[in-house]
PDB file of all heavy atoms in Angstrom:
ATOM      1  N   PRO A   1       0.785  -1.267   0.011  1.00  0.00           N
ATOM      2  CA  PRO A   1       0.053  -0.050  -0.085  1.00  0.00           C
ATOM      3  C   PRO A   1       0.880   1.263  -0.014  1.00  0.00           C
ATOM      4  O   PRO A   1       0.398   2.323  -0.406  1.00  0.00           O
ATOM      5  CB  PRO A   1      -0.824  -0.084   1.327  1.00  0.00           C
ATOM      6  CG  PRO A   1      -0.769  -1.523   1.727  1.00  0.00           C
ATOM      7  CD  PRO A   1       0.506  -2.059   1.159  1.00  0.00           C
ATOM      8  N   ASP A   2       2.139   1.142   0.400  1.00  0.00           N
ATOM      9  CA  ASP A   2       3.042   2.349   0.448  1.00  0.00           C
ATOM     10  C   ASP A   2       3.732   2.579  -0.835  1.00  0.00           C
ATOM     11  O   ASP A   2       4.549   3.550  -0.936  1.00  0.00           O
ATOM     12  CB  ASP A   2       3.913   2.294   1.649  1.00  0.00           C
ATOM     13  CG  ASP A   2       3.256   2.146   3.081  1.00  0.00           C
ATOM     14  OD1 ASP A   2       2.135   2.799   3.075  1.00  0.00           O
ATOM     15  OD2 ASP A   2       3.668   1.443   3.820  1.00  0.00           O
ATOM     16  N   ALA A   3       3.591   1.790  -1.837  1.00  0.00           N
ATOM     17  CA  ALA A   3       4.312   1.928  -3.124  1.00  0.00           C
ATOM     18  C   ALA A   3       3.933   3.280  -3.832  1.00  0.00           C
ATOM     19  O   ALA A   3       2.814   3.686  -3.706  1.00  0.00           O
ATOM     20  CB  ALA A   3       3.999   0.733  -4.034  1.00  0.00           C
ATOM     21  N   SER A   4       4.814   3.826  -4.481  1.00  0.00           N
ATOM     22  CA  SER A   4       4.611   5.113  -5.155  1.00  0.00           C
ATOM     23  C   SER A   4       5.084   5.016  -6.587  1.00  0.00           C
ATOM     24  O   SER A   4       5.869   4.231  -7.006  1.00  0.00           O
ATOM     25  CB  SER A   4       5.396   6.226  -4.441  1.00  0.00           C
ATOM     26  OG  SER A   4       6.786   5.949  -4.585  1.00  0.00           O
ATOM     27  N   GLY A   5       4.431   5.856  -7.365  1.00  0.00           N
ATOM     28  CA  GLY A   5       4.750   6.029  -8.821  1.00  0.00           C
ATOM     29  C   GLY A   5       4.675   4.664  -9.536  1.00  0.00           C
ATOM     30  O   GLY A   5       3.752   3.853  -9.330  1.00  0.00           O
ATOM     31  N   GLY A   6       5.690   4.400 -10.340  1.00  0.00           N
ATOM     32  CA  GLY A   6       5.697   3.134 -11.196  1.00  0.00           C
ATOM     33  C   GLY A   6       6.460   2.040 -10.520  1.00  0.00           C
ATOM     34  O   GLY A   6       6.758   1.041 -11.219  1.00  0.00           O
ATOM     35  N   SER A   7       6.738   2.152  -9.172  1.00  0.00           N
ATOM     36  CA  SER A   7       7.493   1.203  -8.579  1.00  0.00           C
ATOM     37  C   SER A   7       6.791  -0.235  -8.494  1.00  0.00           C
ATOM     38  O   SER A   7       7.567  -1.219  -8.661  1.00  0.00           O
ATOM     39  CB  SER A   7       7.840   1.614  -7.151  1.00  0.00           C
ATOM     40  OG  SER A   7       6.629   1.636  -6.333  1.00  0.00           O
ATOM     41  N   LEU A   8       5.545  -0.288  -8.382  1.00  0.00           N
ATOM     42  CA  LEU A   8       4.840  -1.566  -8.446  1.00  0.00           C
ATOM     43  C   LEU A   8       4.966  -2.207  -9.828  1.00  0.00           C
ATOM     44  O   LEU A   8       5.228  -3.484  -9.929  1.00  0.00           O
ATOM     45  CB  LEU A   8       3.408  -1.427  -8.172  1.00  0.00           C
ATOM     46  CG  LEU A   8       2.864  -1.473  -6.709  1.00  0.00           C
ATOM     47  CD1 LEU A   8       1.424  -1.128  -6.601  1.00  0.00           C
ATOM     48  CD2 LEU A   8       3.267  -2.684  -5.956  1.00  0.00           C
ATOM     49  N   ARG A   9       4.749  -1.463 -10.888  1.00  0.00           N
ATOM     50  CA  ARG A   9       4.901  -1.970 -12.246  1.00  0.00           C
ATOM     51  C   ARG A   9       6.256  -2.537 -12.461  1.00  0.00           C
ATOM     52  O   ARG A   9       6.429  -3.644 -12.945  1.00  0.00           O
ATOM     53  CB  ARG A   9       4.501  -0.977 -13.280  1.00  0.00           C
ATOM     54  CG  ARG A   9       4.679  -1.482 -14.665  1.00  0.00           C
ATOM     55  CD  ARG A   9       3.985  -0.662 -15.725  1.00  0.00           C
ATOM     56  NE  ARG A   9       2.554  -0.582 -15.570  1.00  0.00           N
ATOM     57  CZ  ARG A   9       1.703  -1.564 -16.025  1.00  0.00           C
ATOM     58  NH1 ARG A   9       2.200  -2.604 -16.677  1.00  0.00           N
ATOM     59  NH2 ARG A   9       0.426  -1.453 -15.928  1.00  0.00           N
ATOM     60  N   SER A  10       7.304  -1.739 -12.146  1.00  0.00           N
ATOM     61  CA  SER A  10       8.672  -2.166 -12.470  1.00  0.00           C
ATOM     62  C   SER A  10       9.031  -3.413 -11.577  1.00  0.00           C
ATOM     63  O   SER A  10       9.684  -4.275 -12.075  1.00  0.00           O
ATOM     64  CB  SER A  10       9.627  -1.052 -12.237  1.00  0.00           C
ATOM     65  OG  SER A  10       9.607  -0.612 -10.935  1.00  0.00           O
ATOM     66  N   ALA A  11       8.579  -3.445 -10.366  1.00  0.00           N
ATOM     67  CA  ALA A  11       8.810  -4.561  -9.459  1.00  0.00           C
ATOM     68  C   ALA A  11       8.151  -5.918 -10.026  1.00  0.00           C
ATOM     69  O   ALA A  11       8.802  -6.904 -10.116  1.00  0.00           O
ATOM     70  CB  ALA A  11       8.486  -4.288  -8.044  1.00  0.00           C
ATOM     71  N   VAL A  12       6.929  -5.847 -10.400  1.00  0.00           N
ATOM     72  CA  VAL A  12       6.226  -6.991 -10.957  1.00  0.00           C
ATOM     73  C   VAL A  12       6.816  -7.420 -12.309  1.00  0.00           C
ATOM     74  O   VAL A  12       6.840  -8.647 -12.592  1.00  0.00           O
ATOM     75  CB  VAL A  12       4.724  -6.859 -10.871  1.00  0.00           C
ATOM     76  CG1 VAL A  12       4.143  -6.050 -12.053  1.00  0.00           C
ATOM     77  CG2 VAL A  12       4.024  -8.202 -10.800  1.00  0.00           C
ATOM     78  N   GLU A  13       7.211  -6.454 -13.106  1.00  0.00           N
ATOM     79  CA  GLU A  13       7.898  -6.755 -14.374  1.00  0.00           C
ATOM     80  C   GLU A  13       9.134  -7.574 -14.169  1.00  0.00           C
ATOM     81  O   GLU A  13       9.409  -8.559 -14.793  1.00  0.00           O
ATOM     82  CB  GLU A  13       8.205  -5.509 -15.208  1.00  0.00           C
ATOM     83  CG  GLU A  13       6.929  -4.979 -15.841  1.00  0.00           C
ATOM     84  CD  GLU A  13       7.236  -3.568 -16.516  1.00  0.00           C
ATOM     85  OE1 GLU A  13       8.317  -2.990 -16.308  1.00  0.00           O
ATOM     86  OE2 GLU A  13       6.374  -3.099 -17.280  1.00  0.00           O
ATOM     87  N   ALA A  14       9.997  -7.151 -13.165  1.00  0.00           N
ATOM     88  CA  ALA A  14      11.138  -7.828 -12.785  1.00  0.00           C
ATOM     89  C   ALA A  14      10.900  -9.251 -12.243  1.00  0.00           C
ATOM     90  O   ALA A  14      11.607 -10.203 -12.585  1.00  0.00           O
ATOM     91  CB  ALA A  14      12.039  -7.010 -11.779  1.00  0.00           C
ATOM     92  N   MET A  15       9.894  -9.404 -11.470  1.00  0.00           N
ATOM     93  CA  MET A  15       9.531 -10.701 -10.864  1.00  0.00           C
ATOM     94  C   MET A  15       9.061 -11.628 -12.027  1.00  0.00           C
ATOM     95  O   MET A  15       9.384 -12.799 -12.059  1.00  0.00           O
ATOM     96  CB  MET A  15       8.337 -10.547  -9.852  1.00  0.00           C
ATOM     97  CG  MET A  15       8.855  -9.816  -8.613  1.00  0.00           C
ATOM     98  SD  MET A  15       7.441  -9.307  -7.497  1.00  0.00           S
ATOM     99  CE  MET A  15       6.863 -10.898  -7.013  1.00  0.00           C
ATOM    100  N   THR A  16       8.180 -11.090 -12.924  1.00  0.00           N
ATOM    101  CA  THR A  16       7.759 -11.852 -14.054  1.00  0.00           C
ATOM    102  C   THR A  16       8.933 -12.280 -14.937  1.00  0.00           C
ATOM    103  O   THR A  16       8.952 -13.481 -15.458  1.00  0.00           O
ATOM    104  CB  THR A  16       6.640 -11.036 -14.801  1.00  0.00           C
ATOM    105  OG1 THR A  16       5.686 -10.713 -13.956  1.00  0.00           O
ATOM    106  CG2 THR A  16       6.007 -11.982 -15.888  1.00  0.00           C
ATOM    107  N   ALA A  17       9.858 -11.419 -15.178  1.00  0.00           N
ATOM    108  CA  ALA A  17      10.997 -11.772 -15.950  1.00  0.00           C
ATOM    109  C   ALA A  17      11.851 -12.940 -15.277  1.00  0.00           C
ATOM    110  O   ALA A  17      12.456 -13.736 -16.028  1.00  0.00           O
ATOM    111  CB  ALA A  17      11.856 -10.544 -16.207  1.00  0.00           C
ATOM    112  N   ALA A  18      11.892 -12.875 -14.018  1.00  0.00           N
ATOM    113  CA  ALA A  18      12.697 -13.911 -13.318  1.00  0.00           C
ATOM    114  C   ALA A  18      12.076 -15.252 -13.353  1.00  0.00           C
ATOM    115  O   ALA A  18      12.761 -16.267 -13.229  1.00  0.00           O
ATOM    116  CB  ALA A  18      12.761 -13.552 -11.754  1.00  0.00           C
ATOM    117  N   VAL A  19      10.767 -15.350 -13.648  1.00  0.00           N
ATOM    118  CA  VAL A  19      10.148 -16.660 -13.891  1.00  0.00           C
ATOM    119  C   VAL A  19       9.758 -16.951 -15.288  1.00  0.00           C
ATOM    120  O   VAL A  19       8.850 -17.858 -15.542  1.00  0.00           O
ATOM    121  CB  VAL A  19       8.919 -16.903 -12.896  1.00  0.00           C
ATOM    122  CG1 VAL A  19       9.281 -16.793 -11.490  1.00  0.00           C
ATOM    123  CG2 VAL A  19       7.802 -15.869 -13.162  1.00  0.00           C
ATOM    124  N   ALA A  20      10.405 -16.237 -16.134  1.00  0.00           N
ATOM    125  CA  ALA A  20      10.091 -16.424 -17.614  1.00  0.00           C
ATOM    126  C   ALA A  20      10.280 -17.915 -18.101  1.00  0.00           C
ATOM    127  O   ALA A  20       9.602 -18.357 -18.999  1.00  0.00           O
ATOM    128  CB  ALA A  20      10.972 -15.467 -18.512  1.00  0.00           C
ATOM    129  N   HIS A  21      11.182 -18.573 -17.482  1.00  0.00           N
ATOM    130  CA  HIS A  21      11.400 -20.077 -17.914  1.00  0.00           C
ATOM    131  C   HIS A  21      10.274 -20.878 -17.551  1.00  0.00           C
ATOM    132  O   HIS A  21      10.153 -21.957 -18.108  1.00  0.00           O
ATOM    133  CB  HIS A  21      12.721 -20.459 -17.165  1.00  0.00           C
ATOM    134  CG  HIS A  21      12.575 -20.599 -15.683  1.00  0.00           C
ATOM    135  ND1 HIS A  21      12.763 -19.405 -14.907  1.00  0.00           N
ATOM    136  CD2 HIS A  21      12.294 -21.479 -14.812  1.00  0.00           C
ATOM    137  CE1 HIS A  21      12.599 -19.716 -13.652  1.00  0.00           C
ATOM    138  NE2 HIS A  21      12.279 -20.940 -13.548  1.00  0.00           N
ATOM    139  N   ARG A  22       9.414 -20.354 -16.706  1.00  0.00           N
ATOM    140  CA  ARG A  22       8.243 -21.270 -16.350  1.00  0.00           C
ATOM    141  C   ARG A  22       7.064 -21.062 -17.286  1.00  0.00           C
ATOM    142  O   ARG A  22       6.105 -21.904 -17.326  1.00  0.00           O
ATOM    143  CB  ARG A  22       7.697 -20.757 -14.994  1.00  0.00           C
ATOM    144  CG  ARG A  22       8.752 -20.730 -13.923  1.00  0.00           C
ATOM    145  CD  ARG A  22       8.674 -21.751 -12.767  1.00  0.00           C
ATOM    146  NE  ARG A  22       7.459 -22.555 -12.673  1.00  0.00           N
ATOM    147  CZ  ARG A  22       7.079 -22.792 -11.451  1.00  0.00           C
ATOM    148  NH1 ARG A  22       7.539 -22.246 -10.359  1.00  0.00           N
ATOM    149  NH2 ARG A  22       6.020 -23.650 -11.379  1.00  0.00           N
ATOM    150  N   GLY A  23       7.126 -20.059 -18.165  1.00  0.00           N
ATOM    151  CA  GLY A  23       6.074 -19.859 -19.126  1.00  0.00           C
ATOM    152  C   GLY A  23       6.533 -18.947 -20.251  1.00  0.00           C
ATOM    153  O   GLY A  23       6.363 -17.716 -20.255  1.00  0.00           O
ATOM    154  N   PRO A  24       7.125 -19.534 -21.313  1.00  0.00           N
ATOM    155  CA  PRO A  24       7.608 -18.800 -22.455  1.00  0.00           C
ATOM    156  C   PRO A  24       6.608 -18.411 -23.443  1.00  0.00           C
ATOM    157  O   PRO A  24       6.910 -17.632 -24.328  1.00  0.00           O
ATOM    158  CB  PRO A  24       8.615 -19.774 -23.059  1.00  0.00           C
ATOM    159  CG  PRO A  24       8.077 -21.174 -22.731  1.00  0.00           C
ATOM    160  CD  PRO A  24       7.455 -21.029 -21.394  1.00  0.00           C
ATOM    161  N   ASP A  25       5.274 -18.790 -23.351  1.00  0.00           N
ATOM    162  CA  ASP A  25       4.344 -18.624 -24.401  1.00  0.00           C
ATOM    163  C   ASP A  25       3.543 -17.327 -24.245  1.00  0.00           C
ATOM    164  O   ASP A  25       3.023 -16.828 -25.268  1.00  0.00           O
ATOM    165  CB  ASP A  25       3.288 -19.763 -24.405  1.00  0.00           C
ATOM    166  CG  ASP A  25       4.043 -21.106 -24.683  1.00  0.00           C
ATOM    167  OD1 ASP A  25       4.994 -21.133 -25.509  1.00  0.00           O
ATOM    168  OD2 ASP A  25       3.654 -22.179 -24.132  1.00  0.00           O
ATOM    169  N   ASP A  26       3.408 -16.738 -23.042  1.00  0.00           N
ATOM    170  CA  ASP A  26       2.724 -15.528 -22.960  1.00  0.00           C
ATOM    171  C   ASP A  26       3.011 -14.974 -21.554  1.00  0.00           C
ATOM    172  O   ASP A  26       3.483 -15.635 -20.699  1.00  0.00           O
ATOM    173  CB  ASP A  26       1.215 -15.787 -22.937  1.00  0.00           C
ATOM    174  CG  ASP A  26       0.301 -14.616 -23.064  1.00  0.00           C
ATOM    175  OD1 ASP A  26       0.822 -13.504 -23.419  1.00  0.00           O
ATOM    176  OD2 ASP A  26      -0.904 -14.772 -22.835  1.00  0.00           O
ATOM    177  N   GLU A  27       2.727 -13.637 -21.468  1.00  0.00           N
ATOM    178  CA  GLU A  27       2.988 -12.998 -20.156  1.00  0.00           C
ATOM    179  C   GLU A  27       1.902 -11.941 -20.027  1.00  0.00           C
ATOM    180  O   GLU A  27       1.462 -11.350 -21.044  1.00  0.00           O
ATOM    181  CB  GLU A  27       4.336 -12.359 -19.976  1.00  0.00           C
ATOM    182  CG  GLU A  27       4.664 -11.144 -20.728  1.00  0.00           C
ATOM    183  CD  GLU A  27       6.031 -10.593 -20.394  1.00  0.00           C
ATOM    184  OE1 GLU A  27       6.236 -10.294 -19.164  1.00  0.00           O
ATOM    185  OE2 GLU A  27       6.815 -10.404 -21.267  1.00  0.00           O
ATOM    186  N   GLY A  28       1.617 -11.535 -18.837  1.00  0.00           N
ATOM    187  CA  GLY A  28       0.592 -10.451 -18.574  1.00  0.00           C
ATOM    188  C   GLY A  28       0.815  -9.850 -17.249  1.00  0.00           C
ATOM    189  O   GLY A  28       1.442 -10.492 -16.310  1.00  0.00           O
ATOM    190  N   LEU A  29       0.419  -8.576 -17.106  1.00  0.00           N
ATOM    191  CA  LEU A  29       0.565  -7.784 -15.924  1.00  0.00           C
ATOM    192  C   LEU A  29      -0.758  -7.066 -15.625  1.00  0.00           C
ATOM    193  O   LEU A  29      -1.423  -6.672 -16.513  1.00  0.00           O
ATOM    194  CB  LEU A  29       1.648  -6.739 -16.011  1.00  0.00           C
ATOM    195  CG  LEU A  29       3.046  -7.183 -16.288  1.00  0.00           C
ATOM    196  CD1 LEU A  29       3.926  -6.030 -16.565  1.00  0.00           C
ATOM    197  CD2 LEU A  29       3.651  -7.935 -15.172  1.00  0.00           C
ATOM    198  N   TRP A  30      -0.999  -6.883 -14.374  1.00  0.00           N
ATOM    199  CA  TRP A  30      -2.167  -6.043 -13.878  1.00  0.00           C
ATOM    200  C   TRP A  30      -1.666  -5.306 -12.693  1.00  0.00           C
ATOM    201  O   TRP A  30      -1.142  -5.889 -11.742  1.00  0.00           O
ATOM    202  CB  TRP A  30      -3.399  -6.945 -13.549  1.00  0.00           C
ATOM    203  CG  TRP A  30      -4.544  -6.046 -13.066  1.00  0.00           C
ATOM    204  CD1 TRP A  30      -5.459  -5.451 -13.787  1.00  0.00           C
ATOM    205  CD2 TRP A  30      -4.886  -5.895 -11.652  1.00  0.00           C
ATOM    206  NE1 TRP A  30      -6.338  -4.786 -12.950  1.00  0.00           N
ATOM    207  CE2 TRP A  30      -6.019  -5.028 -11.624  1.00  0.00           C
ATOM    208  CE3 TRP A  30      -4.249  -6.215 -10.422  1.00  0.00           C
ATOM    209  CZ2 TRP A  30      -6.591  -4.641 -10.445  1.00  0.00           C
ATOM    210  CZ3 TRP A  30      -4.870  -5.871  -9.247  1.00  0.00           C
ATOM    211  CH2 TRP A  30      -5.998  -5.054  -9.281  1.00  0.00           C
ATOM    212  N   VAL A  31      -1.811  -4.013 -12.744  1.00  0.00           N
ATOM    213  CA  VAL A  31      -1.373  -3.161 -11.603  1.00  0.00           C
ATOM    214  C   VAL A  31      -2.403  -2.148 -11.178  1.00  0.00           C
ATOM    215  O   VAL A  31      -3.016  -1.524 -12.044  1.00  0.00           O
ATOM    216  CB  VAL A  31      -0.030  -2.340 -12.091  1.00  0.00           C
ATOM    217  CG1 VAL A  31       0.431  -1.517 -10.904  1.00  0.00           C
ATOM    218  CG2 VAL A  31       1.031  -3.333 -12.560  1.00  0.00           C
ATOM    219  N   ASP A  32      -2.619  -2.109  -9.897  1.00  0.00           N
ATOM    220  CA  ASP A  32      -3.509  -1.152  -9.277  1.00  0.00           C
ATOM    221  C   ASP A  32      -2.661  -0.259  -8.322  1.00  0.00           C
ATOM    222  O   ASP A  32      -2.359  -0.641  -7.234  1.00  0.00           O
ATOM    223  CB  ASP A  32      -4.695  -1.805  -8.521  1.00  0.00           C
ATOM    224  CG  ASP A  32      -5.543  -0.772  -7.771  1.00  0.00           C
ATOM    225  OD1 ASP A  32      -5.304   0.379  -7.870  1.00  0.00           O
ATOM    226  OD2 ASP A  32      -6.482  -1.282  -7.137  1.00  0.00           O
ATOM    227  N   GLU A  33      -2.139   0.790  -8.910  1.00  0.00           N
ATOM    228  CA  GLU A  33      -1.213   1.743  -8.086  1.00  0.00           C
ATOM    229  C   GLU A  33      -1.940   2.296  -6.864  1.00  0.00           C
ATOM    230  O   GLU A  33      -1.378   2.380  -5.862  1.00  0.00           O
ATOM    231  CB  GLU A  33      -0.678   2.877  -8.988  1.00  0.00           C
ATOM    232  CG  GLU A  33       0.194   2.362 -10.105  1.00  0.00           C
ATOM    233  CD  GLU A  33       1.631   2.023  -9.614  1.00  0.00           C
ATOM    234  OE1 GLU A  33       1.975   2.395  -8.503  1.00  0.00           O
ATOM    235  OE2 GLU A  33       2.393   1.519 -10.487  1.00  0.00           O
ATOM    236  N   GLU A  34      -3.160   2.676  -7.074  1.00  0.00           N
ATOM    237  CA  GLU A  34      -3.953   3.203  -5.951  1.00  0.00           C
ATOM    238  C   GLU A  34      -4.141   2.239  -4.774  1.00  0.00           C
ATOM    239  O   GLU A  34      -4.039   2.552  -3.611  1.00  0.00           O
ATOM    240  CB  GLU A  34      -5.314   3.606  -6.362  1.00  0.00           C
ATOM    241  CG  GLU A  34      -5.610   5.081  -6.403  1.00  0.00           C
ATOM    242  CD  GLU A  34      -7.008   5.447  -6.855  1.00  0.00           C
ATOM    243  OE1 GLU A  34      -8.019   5.047  -6.193  1.00  0.00           O
ATOM    244  OE2 GLU A  34      -7.172   6.020  -7.928  1.00  0.00           O
ATOM    245  N   GLY A  35      -4.395   0.956  -5.051  1.00  0.00           N
ATOM    246  CA  GLY A  35      -4.618  -0.094  -4.071  1.00  0.00           C
ATOM    247  C   GLY A  35      -3.312  -0.665  -3.623  1.00  0.00           C
ATOM    248  O   GLY A  35      -3.286  -1.474  -2.694  1.00  0.00           O
TER     249      GLY A  35
END
């Protein structure tokens, strides 16, 4: 809840990239900065 700016998006992008080997066929993100 204390995240600011685009920090949530960049963090979840990095996490998703770290598990790319688990799913090479597609990727998706959903971010609610307010929440």
